[in-house]
């Protein structure tokens, strides 16, 4: 994710992402970033480097995972990828 690939994530998007993820009981920063990296299929070291488009896609994915009750499963996969 490079600055020239699009406008950077807004503070409202960052807040919404954090609200959804912490609302699922994921409070560890490393786990949050691992989940985000897994869902976007790219390394993410801080939410500040996301573009608006990536943040929107991430919110859609998180919404789907929450609705389907699959957040824990996605987090397990994210942990496995991060450990590899």
Protein backbone atom coordinates (compact mmCIF):
# COMPACT_ATOMS: atom_id res chain seq x y z
CA UNK A 1 0.00 0.00 0.00
CA UNK A 2 1.70 3.11 -1.21
CA UNK A 3 0.56 6.69 -0.80
CA UNK A 4 0.33 7.08 -4.55
CA UNK A 5 -2.17 4.22 -4.90
CA UNK A 6 -5.04 6.30 -3.56
CA UNK A 7 -6.18 8.60 -0.83
CA UNK A 8 -5.28 7.44 2.64
CA UNK A 9 -7.78 6.00 5.10
CA UNK A 10 -9.94 8.52 6.92
CA UNK A 11 -10.13 8.83 10.68
CA UNK A 12 -13.78 7.75 10.47
CA UNK A 13 -12.80 4.57 8.61
CA UNK A 14 -10.05 3.80 11.13
CA UNK A 15 -12.50 4.27 13.98
CA UNK A 16 -15.10 2.03 12.31
CA UNK A 17 -12.53 -0.71 11.67
CA UNK A 18 -11.26 -0.55 15.25
CA UNK A 19 -14.82 -0.60 16.60
CA UNK A 20 -15.76 -3.71 14.63
CA UNK A 21 -12.57 -5.59 15.47
CA UNK A 22 -12.48 -4.74 19.17
CA UNK A 23 -16.21 -5.42 19.33
CA UNK A 24 -15.33 -8.98 18.41
CA UNK A 25 -12.99 -9.19 21.41
CA UNK A 26 -9.77 -8.70 19.46
CA UNK A 27 -7.88 -6.17 21.56
CA UNK A 28 -4.27 -7.15 20.91
CA UNK A 29 -2.67 -4.79 18.36
CA UNK A 30 -0.65 -7.57 16.75
CA UNK A 31 -3.72 -9.73 16.30
CA UNK A 32 -5.69 -6.82 14.85
CA UNK A 33 -2.95 -6.12 12.31
CA UNK A 34 -2.56 -9.84 11.53
CA UNK A 35 -6.30 -10.06 10.81
CA UNK A 36 -6.24 -6.94 8.65
CA UNK A 37 -3.18 -8.21 6.76
CA UNK A 38 -4.85 -11.57 6.22
CA UNK A 39 -8.12 -10.10 5.00
CA UNK A 40 -6.42 -7.66 2.62
CA UNK A 41 -3.79 -10.25 1.62
CA UNK A 42 -0.96 -7.77 2.12
CA UNK A 43 1.30 -6.92 5.06
CA UNK A 44 -0.09 -4.09 7.18
CA UNK A 45 2.00 -2.62 10.00
CA UNK A 46 -0.33 0.26 10.83
CA UNK A 47 -3.84 1.20 9.82
CA UNK A 48 -2.50 4.61 8.80
CA UNK A 49 -1.01 3.07 5.64
CA UNK A 50 -4.35 1.83 4.32
CA UNK A 51 -6.01 3.59 1.42
CA UNK A 52 -9.65 4.61 1.53
CA UNK A 53 -10.47 1.81 -0.90
CA UNK A 54 -8.70 -0.81 1.19
CA UNK A 55 -10.45 0.43 4.31
CA UNK A 56 -13.83 0.24 2.58
CA UNK A 57 -13.10 -3.30 1.37
CA UNK A 58 -11.91 -4.27 4.85
CA UNK A 59 -15.11 -2.94 6.43
CA UNK A 60 -17.18 -4.95 3.94
CA UNK A 61 -15.21 -8.10 4.71
CA UNK A 62 -15.46 -7.56 8.45
CA UNK A 63 -19.19 -6.96 8.18
CA UNK A 64 -19.61 -10.22 6.30
CA UNK A 65 -17.45 -12.13 8.80
CA UNK A 66 -19.41 -10.75 11.73
CA UNK A 67 -22.76 -11.57 10.09
CA UNK A 68 -21.61 -15.10 9.33
CA UNK A 69 -20.02 -15.63 12.75
CA UNK A 70 -16.65 -16.34 11.14
CA UNK A 71 -14.40 -13.74 12.77
CA UNK A 72 -12.74 -16.27 15.10
CA UNK A 73 -12.03 -18.59 12.18
CA UNK A 74 -10.50 -15.76 10.14
CA UNK A 75 -8.39 -14.75 13.14
CA UNK A 76 -7.11 -18.33 13.49
CA UNK A 77 -6.09 -18.30 9.82
CA UNK A 78 -4.45 -14.91 10.28
CA UNK A 79 -2.46 -16.21 13.26
CA UNK A 80 -1.31 -19.22 11.26
CA UNK A 81 -0.16 -17.03 8.37
CA UNK A 82 1.62 -14.61 10.72
CA UNK A 83 3.44 -17.48 12.40
CA UNK A 84 4.63 -19.00 9.11
